[in-house]
Amino acid sequence: MGRLTRWPDRRAEIGPLLDAMQAELVRVGLWETAPPPPASMASALPFCCDRLRFTQWLQWVFIPRTRALLDAGGSFPLKSAMRPMAEEALAGCEWDAGPLIESIGRLDQAINCLPA
């Protein structure tokens, strides 16, 4: 017998939100064609904040790892709170970061609503 659910599958929202984040980075000219050196992505700090810009971390670490997790049917963290970091990291940038921050906030919500 199939599993009964009362809520829509929030996992289905994650892929399109990653697509929206990527599209926004492309739109504002921040989607890079060459990856940073591997050592840049080996940081032990959250968001690789000591070695990458937040937008680089999204492109080279977060988006690929999250897509791989989706593809593999893996488990997501119980709590996601990237929006505050996005707001801090993108404050005062030269482009309108609102659409990217909004996508990140919606991604937080989708992850936070996944069953444990």
PDB file of N, CA and C in Angstrom:
ATOM      1  N   MET A   1       0.839  -1.173   0.000  1.00  0.00           N
ATOM      2  CA  MET A   1       0.000   0.000   0.000  1.00  0.00           C
ATOM      3  C   MET A   1       0.887   1.240   0.000  1.00  0.00           C
ATOM      4  N   GLY A   2       0.503   2.272  -0.752  1.00  0.00           N
ATOM      5  CA  GLY A   2       1.297   3.491  -0.860  1.00  0.00           C
ATOM      6  C   GLY A   2       1.292   4.302   0.423  1.00  0.00           C
ATOM      7  N   ARG A   3       2.289   5.113   0.568  1.00  0.00           N
ATOM      8  CA  ARG A   3       2.425   5.966   1.738  1.00  0.00           C
ATOM      9  C   ARG A   3       1.452   7.141   1.626  1.00  0.00           C
ATOM     10  N   LEU A   4       0.711   7.390   2.667  1.00  0.00           N
ATOM     11  CA  LEU A   4      -0.214   8.516   2.686  1.00  0.00           C
ATOM     12  C   LEU A   4       0.501   9.743   3.220  1.00  0.00           C
ATOM     13  N   THR A   5       0.316  10.863   2.551  1.00  0.00           N
ATOM     14  CA  THR A   5       0.910  12.110   3.022  1.00  0.00           C
ATOM     15  C   THR A   5      -0.160  13.196   3.039  1.00  0.00           C
ATOM     16  N   ARG A   6      -0.041  14.089   3.982  1.00  0.00           N
ATOM     17  CA  ARG A   6      -0.962  15.218   4.056  1.00  0.00           C
ATOM     18  C   ARG A   6      -0.385  16.457   3.393  1.00  0.00           C
ATOM     19  N   TRP A   7       0.906  16.483   3.213  1.00  0.00           N
ATOM     20  CA  TRP A   7       1.570  17.663   2.665  1.00  0.00           C
ATOM     21  C   TRP A   7       2.177  17.327   1.318  1.00  0.00           C
ATOM     22  N   PRO A   8       2.293  18.317   0.454  1.00  0.00           N
ATOM     23  CA  PRO A   8       2.952  18.058  -0.831  1.00  0.00           C
ATOM     24  C   PRO A   8       4.424  17.714  -0.600  1.00  0.00           C
ATOM     25  N   ASP A   9       4.990  16.998  -1.526  1.00  0.00           N
ATOM     26  CA  ASP A   9       6.406  16.620  -1.427  1.00  0.00           C
ATOM     27  C   ASP A   9       7.253  17.862  -1.669  1.00  0.00           C
ATOM     28  N   ARG A  10       7.832  18.397  -0.611  1.00  0.00           N
ATOM     29  CA  ARG A  10       8.634  19.613  -0.711  1.00  0.00           C
ATOM     30  C   ARG A  10       9.939  19.354  -1.449  1.00  0.00           C
ATOM     31  N   ARG A  11      10.392  18.084  -1.518  1.00  0.00           N
ATOM     32  CA  ARG A  11      11.604  17.761  -2.285  1.00  0.00           C
ATOM     33  C   ARG A  11      11.449  18.190  -3.742  1.00  0.00           C
ATOM     34  N   ALA A  12      10.224  18.090  -4.262  1.00  0.00           N
ATOM     35  CA  ALA A  12       9.972  18.443  -5.662  1.00  0.00           C
ATOM     36  C   ALA A  12      10.215  19.931  -5.925  1.00  0.00           C
ATOM     37  N   GLU A  13      10.187  20.745  -4.884  1.00  0.00           N
ATOM     38  CA  GLU A  13      10.420  22.183  -5.031  1.00  0.00           C
ATOM     39  C   GLU A  13      11.908  22.524  -5.105  1.00  0.00           C
ATOM     40  N   ILE A  14      12.750  21.644  -4.605  1.00  0.00           N
ATOM     41  CA  ILE A  14      14.165  21.977  -4.451  1.00  0.00           C
ATOM     42  C   ILE A  14      14.872  22.145  -5.791  1.00  0.00           C
ATOM     43  N   GLY A  15      14.672  21.236  -6.727  1.00  0.00           N
ATOM     44  CA  GLY A  15      15.321  21.347  -8.042  1.00  0.00           C
ATOM     45  C   GLY A  15      15.002  22.656  -8.744  1.00  0.00           C
ATOM     46  N   PRO A  16      13.715  23.025  -8.874  1.00  0.00           N
ATOM     47  CA  PRO A  16      13.394  24.307  -9.505  1.00  0.00           C
ATOM     48  C   PRO A  16      13.967  25.518  -8.762  1.00  0.00           C
ATOM     49  N   LEU A  17      14.071  25.433  -7.438  1.00  0.00           N
ATOM     50  CA  LEU A  17      14.672  26.547  -6.699  1.00  0.00           C
ATOM     51  C   LEU A  17      16.166  26.647  -6.984  1.00  0.00           C
ATOM     52  N   LEU A  18      16.839  25.519  -7.112  1.00  0.00           N
ATOM     53  CA  LEU A  18      18.258  25.537  -7.505  1.00  0.00           C
ATOM     54  C   LEU A  18      18.403  26.128  -8.901  1.00  0.00           C
ATOM     55  N   ASP A  19      17.479  25.756  -9.804  1.00  0.00           N
ATOM     56  CA  ASP A  19      17.493  26.319 -11.166  1.00  0.00           C
ATOM     57  C   ASP A  19      17.317  27.831 -11.128  1.00  0.00           C
ATOM     58  N   ALA A  20      16.416  28.303 -10.266  1.00  0.00           N
ATOM     59  CA  ALA A  20      16.175  29.748 -10.146  1.00  0.00           C
ATOM     60  C   ALA A  20      17.408  30.466  -9.613  1.00  0.00           C
ATOM     61  N   MET A  21      18.078  29.851  -8.649  1.00  0.00           N
ATOM     62  CA  MET A  21      19.294  30.450  -8.108  1.00  0.00           C
ATOM     63  C   MET A  21      20.365  30.542  -9.195  1.00  0.00           C
ATOM     64  N   GLN A  22      20.534  29.462  -9.944  1.00  0.00           N
ATOM     65  CA  GLN A  22      21.519  29.461 -11.021  1.00  0.00           C
ATOM     66  C   GLN A  22      21.165  30.507 -12.076  1.00  0.00           C
ATOM     67  N   ALA A  23      19.903  30.561 -12.468  1.00  0.00           N
ATOM     68  CA  ALA A  23      19.474  31.532 -13.483  1.00  0.00           C
ATOM     69  C   ALA A  23      19.726  32.957 -13.026  1.00  0.00           C
ATOM     70  N   GLU A  24      19.516  33.221 -11.746  1.00  0.00           N
ATOM     71  CA  GLU A  24      19.747  34.574 -11.231  1.00  0.00           C
ATOM     72  C   GLU A  24      21.234  34.911 -11.235  1.00  0.00           C
ATOM     73  N   LEU A  25      22.073  33.954 -10.872  1.00  0.00           N
ATOM     74  CA  LEU A  25      23.520  34.194 -10.920  1.00  0.00           C
ATOM     75  C   LEU A  25      23.982  34.445 -12.363  1.00  0.00           C
ATOM     76  N   VAL A  26      23.405  33.718 -13.304  1.00  0.00           N
ATOM     77  CA  VAL A  26      23.726  33.939 -14.719  1.00  0.00           C
ATOM     78  C   VAL A  26      23.251  35.338 -15.131  1.00  0.00           C
ATOM     79  N   ARG A  27      22.022  35.683 -14.758  1.00  0.00           N
ATOM     80  CA  ARG A  27      21.429  36.964 -15.160  1.00  0.00           C
ATOM     81  C   ARG A  27      22.267  38.152 -14.707  1.00  0.00           C
ATOM     82  N   VAL A  28      22.815  38.064 -13.503  1.00  0.00           N
ATOM     83  CA  VAL A  28      23.589  39.202 -12.985  1.00  0.00           C
ATOM     84  C   VAL A  28      25.074  39.098 -13.329  1.00  0.00           C
ATOM     85  N   GLY A  29      25.449  38.090 -14.111  1.00  0.00           N
ATOM     86  CA  GLY A  29      26.825  37.966 -14.572  1.00  0.00           C
ATOM     87  C   GLY A  29      27.793  37.383 -13.565  1.00  0.00           C
ATOM     88  N   LEU A  30      27.286  36.626 -12.587  1.00  0.00           N
ATOM     89  CA  LEU A  30      28.167  36.058 -11.565  1.00  0.00           C
ATOM     90  C   LEU A  30      28.381  34.554 -11.712  1.00  0.00           C
ATOM     91  N   TRP A  31      27.790  33.943 -12.727  1.00  0.00           N
ATOM     92  CA  TRP A  31      28.001  32.511 -12.965  1.00  0.00           C
ATOM     93  C   TRP A  31      29.343  32.375 -13.664  1.00  0.00           C
ATOM     94  N   GLU A  32      30.274  31.710 -13.026  1.00  0.00           N
ATOM     95  CA  GLU A  32      31.643  31.624 -13.527  1.00  0.00           C
ATOM     96  C   GLU A  32      31.822  30.415 -14.441  1.00  0.00           C
ATOM     97  N   THR A  33      32.750  30.536 -15.377  1.00  0.00           N
ATOM     98  CA  THR A  33      33.005  29.433 -16.303  1.00  0.00           C
ATOM     99  C   THR A  33      34.117  28.519 -15.829  1.00  0.00           C
ATOM    100  N   ALA A  34      34.991  29.025 -14.989  1.00  0.00           N
ATOM    101  CA  ALA A  34      36.106  28.212 -14.478  1.00  0.00           C
ATOM    102  C   ALA A  34      36.008  28.120 -12.960  1.00  0.00           C
ATOM    103  N   PRO A  35      36.173  26.922 -12.430  1.00  0.00           N
ATOM    104  CA  PRO A  35      36.086  26.779 -10.968  1.00  0.00           C
ATOM    105  C   PRO A  35      37.278  27.401 -10.263  1.00  0.00           C
ATOM    106  N   PRO A  36      37.080  27.771  -9.015  1.00  0.00           N
ATOM    107  CA  PRO A  36      38.214  28.258  -8.225  1.00  0.00           C
ATOM    108  C   PRO A  36      39.160  27.091  -7.924  1.00  0.00           C
ATOM    109  N   PRO A  37      40.361  27.365  -7.460  1.00  0.00           N
ATOM    110  CA  PRO A  37      41.284  26.277  -7.118  1.00  0.00           C
ATOM    111  C   PRO A  37      40.648  25.344  -6.087  1.00  0.00           C
ATOM    112  N   PRO A  38      40.934  24.044  -6.164  1.00  0.00           N
ATOM    113  CA  PRO A  38      40.342  23.087  -5.215  1.00  0.00           C
ATOM    114  C   PRO A  38      40.548  23.472  -3.748  1.00  0.00           C
ATOM    115  N   ALA A  39      41.676  24.062  -3.431  1.00  0.00           N
ATOM    116  CA  ALA A  39      41.926  24.462  -2.044  1.00  0.00           C
ATOM    117  C   ALA A  39      40.892  25.478  -1.554  1.00  0.00           C
ATOM    118  N   SER A  40      40.329  26.259  -2.469  1.00  0.00           N
ATOM    119  CA  SER A  40      39.322  27.246  -2.090  1.00  0.00           C
ATOM    120  C   SER A  40      38.051  26.594  -1.569  1.00  0.00           C
ATOM    121  N   MET A  41      37.778  25.394  -2.035  1.00  0.00           N
ATOM    122  CA  MET A  41      36.556  24.710  -1.634  1.00  0.00           C
ATOM    123  C   MET A  41      36.793  23.743  -0.483  1.00  0.00           C
ATOM    124  N   ALA A  42      38.011  23.710   0.038  1.00  0.00           N
ATOM    125  CA  ALA A  42      38.355  22.796   1.125  1.00  0.00           C
ATOM    126  C   ALA A  42      38.285  23.475   2.486  1.00  0.00           C
ATOM    127  N   SER A  43      37.663  24.602   2.557  1.00  0.00           N
ATOM    128  CA  SER A  43      37.556  25.337   3.822  1.00  0.00           C
ATOM    129  C   SER A  43      36.735  24.552   4.834  1.00  0.00           C
ATOM    130  N   ALA A  44      37.083  24.697   6.092  1.00  0.00           N
ATOM    131  CA  ALA A  44      36.314  24.077   7.169  1.00  0.00           C
ATOM    132  C   ALA A  44      35.248  25.029   7.713  1.00  0.00           C
ATOM    133  N   LEU A  45      35.254  26.264   7.256  1.00  0.00           N
ATOM    134  CA  LEU A  45      34.297  27.248   7.741  1.00  0.00           C
ATOM    135  C   LEU A  45      32.989  27.162   6.960  1.00  0.00           C
ATOM    136  N   PRO A  46      31.870  27.501   7.605  1.00  0.00           N
ATOM    137  CA  PRO A  46      30.593  27.499   6.887  1.00  0.00           C
ATOM    138  C   PRO A  46      30.656  28.402   5.657  1.00  0.00           C
ATOM    139  N   PHE A  47      30.043  27.937   4.594  1.00  0.00           N
ATOM    140  CA  PHE A  47      29.955  28.680   3.334  1.00  0.00           C
ATOM    141  C   PHE A  47      31.329  28.953   2.719  1.00  0.00           C
ATOM    142  N   CYS A  48      32.364  28.272   3.186  1.00  0.00           N
ATOM    143  CA  CYS A  48      33.744  28.521   2.719  1.00  0.00           C
ATOM    144  C   CYS A  48      34.041  30.015   2.745  1.00  0.00           C
ATOM    145  N   CYS A  49      33.505  30.699   3.766  1.00  0.00           N
ATOM    146  CA  CYS A  49      33.533  32.159   3.792  1.00  0.00           C
ATOM    147  C   CYS A  49      34.930  32.756   3.858  1.00  0.00           C
ATOM    148  N   ASP A  50      35.918  31.955   4.218  1.00  0.00           N
ATOM    149  CA  ASP A  50      37.278  32.477   4.253  1.00  0.00           C
ATOM    150  C   ASP A  50      37.987  32.363   2.906  1.00  0.00           C
ATOM    151  N   ARG A  51      37.378  31.634   1.968  1.00  0.00           N
ATOM    152  CA  ARG A  51      38.067  31.396   0.700  1.00  0.00           C
ATOM    153  C   ARG A  51      37.248  31.692  -0.543  1.00  0.00           C
ATOM    154  N   LEU A  52      35.921  31.756  -0.401  1.00  0.00           N
ATOM    155  CA  LEU A  52      35.049  32.000  -1.554  1.00  0.00           C
ATOM    156  C   LEU A  52      34.068  33.124  -1.245  1.00  0.00           C
ATOM    157  N   ARG A  53      33.668  33.835  -2.285  1.00  0.00           N
ATOM    158  CA  ARG A  53      32.527  34.742  -2.143  1.00  0.00           C
ATOM    159  C   ARG A  53      31.274  33.871  -1.996  1.00  0.00           C
ATOM    160  N   PHE A  54      30.243  34.395  -1.388  1.00  0.00           N
ATOM    161  CA  PHE A  54      29.016  33.629  -1.180  1.00  0.00           C
ATOM    162  C   PHE A  54      28.464  33.101  -2.499  1.00  0.00           C
ATOM    163  N   THR A  55      28.491  33.922  -3.541  1.00  0.00           N
ATOM    164  CA  THR A  55      27.969  33.482  -4.838  1.00  0.00           C
ATOM    165  C   THR A  55      28.820  32.354  -5.427  1.00  0.00           C
ATOM    166  N   GLN A  56      30.119  32.375  -5.176  1.00  0.00           N
ATOM    167  CA  GLN A  56      30.974  31.274  -5.624  1.00  0.00           C
ATOM    168  C   GLN A  56      30.625  29.994  -4.865  1.00  0.00           C
ATOM    169  N   TRP A  57      30.415  30.130  -3.561  1.00  0.00           N
ATOM    170  CA  TRP A  57      30.045  28.969  -2.759  1.00  0.00           C
ATOM    171  C   TRP A  57      28.744  28.362  -3.279  1.00  0.00           C
ATOM    172  N   LEU A  58      27.756  29.226  -3.608  1.00  0.00           N
ATOM    173  CA  LEU A  58      26.509  28.709  -4.164  1.00  0.00           C
ATOM    174  C   LEU A  58      26.777  27.901  -5.430  1.00  0.00           C
ATOM    175  N   GLN A  59      27.548  28.481  -6.344  1.00  0.00           N
ATOM    176  CA  GLN A  59      27.780  27.841  -7.636  1.00  0.00           C
ATOM    177  C   GLN A  59      28.611  26.575  -7.536  1.00  0.00           C
ATOM    178  N   TRP A  60      29.692  26.624  -6.806  1.00  0.00           N
ATOM    179  CA  TRP A  60      30.674  25.538  -6.852  1.00  0.00           C
ATOM    180  C   TRP A  60      30.527  24.502  -5.743  1.00  0.00           C
ATOM    181  N   VAL A  61      29.808  24.833  -4.692  1.00  0.00           N
ATOM    182  CA  VAL A  61      29.662  23.892  -3.576  1.00  0.00           C
ATOM    183  C   VAL A  61      28.190  23.539  -3.363  1.00  0.00           C
ATOM    184  N   PHE A  62      27.380  24.524  -3.018  1.00  0.00           N
ATOM    185  CA  PHE A  62      26.015  24.242  -2.598  1.00  0.00           C
ATOM    186  C   PHE A  62      25.141  23.659  -3.706  1.00  0.00           C
ATOM    187  N   ILE A  63      25.056  24.333  -4.837  1.00  0.00           N
ATOM    188  CA  ILE A  63      24.158  23.865  -5.899  1.00  0.00           C
ATOM    189  C   ILE A  63      24.544  22.461  -6.373  1.00  0.00           C
ATOM    190  N   PRO A  64      25.830  22.181  -6.677  1.00  0.00           N
ATOM    191  CA  PRO A  64      26.161  20.817  -7.117  1.00  0.00           C
ATOM    192  C   PRO A  64      25.910  19.749  -6.055  1.00  0.00           C
ATOM    193  N   ARG A  65      26.253  20.046  -4.810  1.00  0.00           N
ATOM    194  CA  ARG A  65      26.048  19.051  -3.745  1.00  0.00           C
ATOM    195  C   ARG A  65      24.563  18.801  -3.498  1.00  0.00           C
ATOM    196  N   THR A  66      23.770  19.851  -3.585  1.00  0.00           N
ATOM    197  CA  THR A  66      22.335  19.688  -3.355  1.00  0.00           C
ATOM    198  C   THR A  66      21.697  18.921  -4.509  1.00  0.00           C
ATOM    199  N   ARG A  67      22.123  19.196  -5.742  1.00  0.00           N
ATOM    200  CA  ARG A  67      21.613  18.424  -6.886  1.00  0.00           C
ATOM    201  C   ARG A  67      21.992  16.946  -6.742  1.00  0.00           C
ATOM    202  N   ALA A  68      23.223  16.675  -6.317  1.00  0.00           N
ATOM    203  CA  ALA A  68      23.664  15.292  -6.133  1.00  0.00           C
ATOM    204  C   ALA A  68      22.843  14.609  -5.039  1.00  0.00           C
ATOM    205  N   LEU A  69      22.540  15.322  -3.991  1.00  0.00           N
ATOM    206  CA  LEU A  69      21.730  14.776  -2.908  1.00  0.00           C
ATOM    207  C   LEU A  69      20.325  14.447  -3.403  1.00  0.00           C
ATOM    208  N   LEU A  70      19.754  15.341  -4.193  1.00  0.00           N
ATOM    209  CA  LEU A  70      18.435  15.086  -4.783  1.00  0.00           C
ATOM    210  C   LEU A  70      18.468  13.854  -5.680  1.00  0.00           C
ATOM    211  N   ASP A  71      19.459  13.803  -6.570  1.00  0.00           N
ATOM    212  CA  ASP A  71      19.573  12.687  -7.520  1.00  0.00           C
ATOM    213  C   ASP A  71      19.729  11.347  -6.814  1.00  0.00           C
ATOM    214  N   ALA A  72      20.443  11.357  -5.701  1.00  0.00           N
ATOM    215  CA  ALA A  72      20.702  10.115  -4.968  1.00  0.00           C
ATOM    216  C   ALA A  72      19.577   9.773  -3.987  1.00  0.00           C
ATOM    217  N   GLY A  73      18.600  10.658  -3.842  1.00  0.00           N
ATOM    218  CA  GLY A  73      17.534  10.423  -2.883  1.00  0.00           C
ATOM    219  C   GLY A  73      18.011  10.510  -1.448  1.00  0.00           C
ATOM    220  N   GLY A  74      19.082  11.275  -1.237  1.00  0.00           N
ATOM    221  CA  GLY A  74      19.677  11.392   0.087  1.00  0.00           C
ATOM    222  C   GLY A  74      18.860  12.233   1.049  1.00  0.00           C
ATOM    223  N   SER A  75      19.265  12.190   2.291  1.00  0.00           N
ATOM    224  CA  SER A  75      18.597  12.948   3.348  1.00  0.00           C
ATOM    225  C   SER A  75      19.152  14.358   3.431  1.00  0.00           C
ATOM    226  N   PHE A  76      18.261  15.292   3.658  1.00  0.00           N
ATOM    227  CA  PHE A  76      18.640  16.684   3.827  1.00  0.00           C
ATOM    228  C   PHE A  76      18.791  16.982   5.320  1.00  0.00           C
ATOM    229  N   PRO A  77      19.486  18.067   5.641  1.00  0.00           N
ATOM    230  CA  PRO A  77      19.577  18.442   7.060  1.00  0.00           C
ATOM    231  C   PRO A  77      18.186  18.746   7.604  1.00  0.00           C
ATOM    232  N   LEU A  78      18.040  18.643   8.904  1.00  0.00           N
ATOM    233  CA  LEU A  78      16.745  18.910   9.529  1.00  0.00           C
ATOM    234  C   LEU A  78      16.395  20.390   9.499  1.00  0.00           C
ATOM    235  N   LYS A  79      17.409  21.246   9.410  1.00  0.00           N
ATOM    236  CA  LYS A  79      17.188  22.699   9.447  1.00  0.00           C
ATOM    237  C   LYS A  79      18.097  23.378   8.440  1.00  0.00           C
ATOM    238  N   SER A  80      17.526  24.288   7.689  1.00  0.00           N
ATOM    239  CA  SER A  80      18.306  25.109   6.762  1.00  0.00           C
ATOM    240  C   SER A  80      18.038  26.568   7.093  1.00  0.00           C
ATOM    241  N   ALA A  81      19.093  27.348   7.186  1.00  0.00           N
ATOM    242  CA  ALA A  81      18.970  28.775   7.498  1.00  0.00           C
ATOM    243  C   ALA A  81      20.034  29.545   6.720  1.00  0.00           C
ATOM    244  N   MET A  82      19.971  29.435   5.397  1.00  0.00           N
ATOM    245  CA  MET A  82      20.947  30.129   4.555  1.00  0.00           C
ATOM    246  C   MET A  82      20.569  31.579   4.286  1.00  0.00           C
ATOM    247  N   ARG A  83      19.284  31.894   4.367  1.00  0.00           N
ATOM    248  CA  ARG A  83      18.862  33.251   4.026  1.00  0.00           C
ATOM    249  C   ARG A  83      19.581  34.329   4.834  1.00  0.00           C
ATOM    250  N   PRO A  84      19.722  34.188   6.168  1.00  0.00           N
ATOM    251  CA  PRO A  84      20.448  35.238   6.899  1.00  0.00           C
ATOM    252  C   PRO A  84      21.877  35.438   6.385  1.00  0.00           C
ATOM    253  N   MET A  85      22.561  34.358   6.043  1.00  0.00           N
ATOM    254  CA  MET A  85      23.912  34.494   5.495  1.00  0.00           C
ATOM    255  C   MET A  85      23.867  35.186   4.142  1.00  0.00           C
ATOM    256  N   ALA A  86      22.894  34.823   3.318  1.00  0.00           N
ATOM    257  CA  ALA A  86      22.755  35.471   2.005  1.00  0.00           C
ATOM    258  C   ALA A  86      22.506  36.964   2.171  1.00  0.00           C
ATOM    259  N   GLU A  87      21.627  37.319   3.087  1.00  0.00           N
ATOM    260  CA  GLU A  87      21.340  38.739   3.320  1.00  0.00           C
ATOM    261  C   GLU A  87      22.591  39.492   3.760  1.00  0.00           C
ATOM    262  N   GLU A  88      23.362  38.887   4.647  1.00  0.00           N
ATOM    263  CA  GLU A  88      24.596  39.508   5.124  1.00  0.00           C
ATOM    264  C   GLU A  88      25.639  39.605   4.013  1.00  0.00           C
ATOM    265  N   ALA A  89      25.854  38.493   3.317  1.00  0.00           N
ATOM    266  CA  ALA A  89      26.903  38.436   2.299  1.00  0.00           C
ATOM    267  C   ALA A  89      26.593  39.317   1.090  1.00  0.00           C
ATOM    268  N   LEU A  90      25.309  39.487   0.791  1.00  0.00           N
ATOM    269  CA  LEU A  90      24.932  40.225  -0.412  1.00  0.00           C
ATOM    270  C   LEU A  90      24.485  41.658  -0.129  1.00  0.00           C
ATOM    271  N   ALA A  91      24.560  42.072   1.123  1.00  0.00           N
ATOM    272  CA  ALA A  91      24.189  43.445   1.477  1.00  0.00           C
ATOM    273  C   ALA A  91      25.107  44.423   0.758  1.00  0.00           C
ATOM    274  N   GLY A  92      24.514  45.410   0.136  1.00  0.00           N
ATOM    275  CA  GLY A  92      25.297  46.447  -0.521  1.00  0.00           C
ATOM    276  C   GLY A  92      25.909  46.053  -1.853  1.00  0.00           C
ATOM    277  N   CYS A  93      25.529  44.913  -2.389  1.00  0.00           N
ATOM    278  CA  CYS A  93      26.112  44.536  -3.684  1.00  0.00           C
ATOM    279  C   CYS A  93      25.577  45.460  -4.773  1.00  0.00           C
ATOM    280  N   GLU A  94      26.239  45.461  -5.903  1.00  0.00           N
ATOM    281  CA  GLU A  94      25.941  46.398  -6.982  1.00  0.00           C
ATOM    282  C   GLU A  94      24.710  45.999  -7.800  1.00  0.00           C
ATOM    283  N   TRP A  95      24.170  44.859  -7.574  1.00  0.00           N
ATOM    284  CA  TRP A  95      23.015  44.354  -8.320  1.00  0.00           C
ATOM    285  C   TRP A  95      21.892  44.043  -7.338  1.00  0.00           C
ATOM    286  N   ASP A  96      20.691  43.893  -7.844  1.00  0.00           N
ATOM    287  CA  ASP A  96      19.535  43.602  -6.997  1.00  0.00           C
ATOM    288  C   ASP A  96      19.590  42.145  -6.559  1.00  0.00           C
ATOM    289  N   ALA A  97      19.980  41.923  -5.314  1.00  0.00           N
ATOM    290  CA  ALA A  97      20.110  40.568  -4.788  1.00  0.00           C
ATOM    291  C   ALA A  97      18.779  40.006  -4.309  1.00  0.00           C
ATOM    292  N   GLY A  98      17.720  40.795  -4.335  1.00  0.00           N
ATOM    293  CA  GLY A  98      16.419  40.361  -3.830  1.00  0.00           C
ATOM    294  C   GLY A  98      15.924  39.042  -4.408  1.00  0.00           C
ATOM    295  N   PRO A  99      15.930  38.856  -5.727  1.00  0.00           N
ATOM    296  CA  PRO A  99      15.441  37.595  -6.276  1.00  0.00           C
ATOM    297  C   PRO A  99      16.262  36.380  -5.822  1.00  0.00           C
ATOM    298  N   LEU A 100      17.566  36.530  -5.722  1.00  0.00           N
ATOM    299  CA  LEU A 100      18.407  35.420  -5.265  1.00  0.00           C
ATOM    300  C   LEU A 100      18.131  35.124  -3.794  1.00  0.00           C
ATOM    301  N   ILE A 101      18.053  36.156  -2.985  1.00  0.00           N
ATOM    302  CA  ILE A 101      17.776  35.977  -1.559  1.00  0.00           C
ATOM    303  C   ILE A 101      16.404  35.337  -1.365  1.00  0.00           C
ATOM    304  N   GLU A 102      15.441  35.741  -2.160  1.00  0.00           N
ATOM    305  CA  GLU A 102      14.095  35.159  -2.063  1.00  0.00           C
ATOM    306  C   GLU A 102      14.116  33.667  -2.412  1.00  0.00           C
ATOM    307  N   SER A 103      14.850  33.296  -3.452  1.00  0.00           N
ATOM    308  CA  SER A 103      14.966  31.872  -3.813  1.00  0.00           C
ATOM    309  C   SER A 103      15.631  31.085  -2.694  1.00  0.00           C
ATOM    310  N   ILE A 104      16.639  31.659  -2.089  1.00  0.00           N
ATOM    311  CA  ILE A 104      17.333  30.989  -0.981  1.00  0.00           C
ATOM    312  C   ILE A 104      16.381  30.820   0.205  1.00  0.00           C
ATOM    313  N   GLY A 105      15.586  31.838   0.493  1.00  0.00           N
ATOM    314  CA  GLY A 105      14.611  31.743   1.576  1.00  0.00           C
ATOM    315  C   GLY A 105      13.564  30.670   1.301  1.00  0.00           C
ATOM    316  N   ARG A 106      13.100  30.581   0.059  1.00  0.00           N
ATOM    317  CA  ARG A 106      12.126  29.539  -0.290  1.00  0.00           C
ATOM    318  C   ARG A 106      12.760  28.154  -0.202  1.00  0.00           C
ATOM    319  N   LEU A 107      14.038  28.055  -0.535  1.00  0.00           N
ATOM    320  CA  LEU A 107      14.743  26.781  -0.396  1.00  0.00           C
ATOM    321  C   LEU A 107      14.852  26.400   1.082  1.00  0.00           C
ATOM    322  N   ASP A 108      15.191  27.355   1.939  1.00  0.00           N
ATOM    323  CA  ASP A 108      15.197  27.095   3.381  1.00  0.00           C
ATOM    324  C   ASP A 108      13.848  26.526   3.814  1.00  0.00           C
ATOM    325  N   GLN A 109      12.772  27.154   3.399  1.00  0.00           N
ATOM    326  CA  GLN A 109      11.430  26.706   3.789  1.00  0.00           C
ATOM    327  C   GLN A 109      11.157  25.292   3.298  1.00  0.00           C
ATOM    328  N   ALA A 110      11.508  25.006   2.054  1.00  0.00           N
ATOM    329  CA  ALA A 110      11.254  23.673   1.506  1.00  0.00           C
ATOM    330  C   ALA A 110      12.020  22.620   2.291  1.00  0.00           C
ATOM    331  N   ILE A 111      13.280  22.878   2.582  1.00  0.00           N
ATOM    332  CA  ILE A 111      14.090  21.917   3.338  1.00  0.00           C
ATOM    333  C   ILE A 111      13.545  21.767   4.759  1.00  0.00           C
ATOM    334  N   ASN A 112      13.175  22.870   5.380  1.00  0.00           N
ATOM    335  CA  ASN A 112      12.697  22.830   6.757  1.00  0.00           C
ATOM    336  C   ASN A 112      11.355  22.109   6.889  1.00  0.00           C
ATOM    337  N   CYS A 113      10.629  21.969   5.799  1.00  0.00           N
ATOM    338  CA  CYS A 113       9.331  21.285   5.829  1.00  0.00           C
ATOM    339  C   CYS A 113       9.428  19.817   5.423  1.00  0.00           C
ATOM    340  N   LEU A 114      10.628  19.355   5.101  1.00  0.00           N
ATOM    341  CA  LEU A 114      10.777  17.942   4.750  1.00  0.00           C
ATOM    342  C   LEU A 114      10.569  17.094   5.998  1.00  0.00           C
ATOM    343  N   PRO A 115      10.021  15.895   5.814  1.00  0.00           N
ATOM    344  CA  PRO A 115       9.876  15.013   6.979  1.00  0.00           C
ATOM    345  C   PRO A 115      11.226  14.598   7.516  1.00  0.00           C
ATOM    346  N   ALA A 116      11.305  14.449   8.815  1.00  0.00           N
ATOM    347  CA  ALA A 116      12.575  14.060   9.465  1.00  0.00           C
ATOM    348  C   ALA A 116      12.917  12.620   9.167  1.00  0.00           C
TER     349      ALA A 116
END
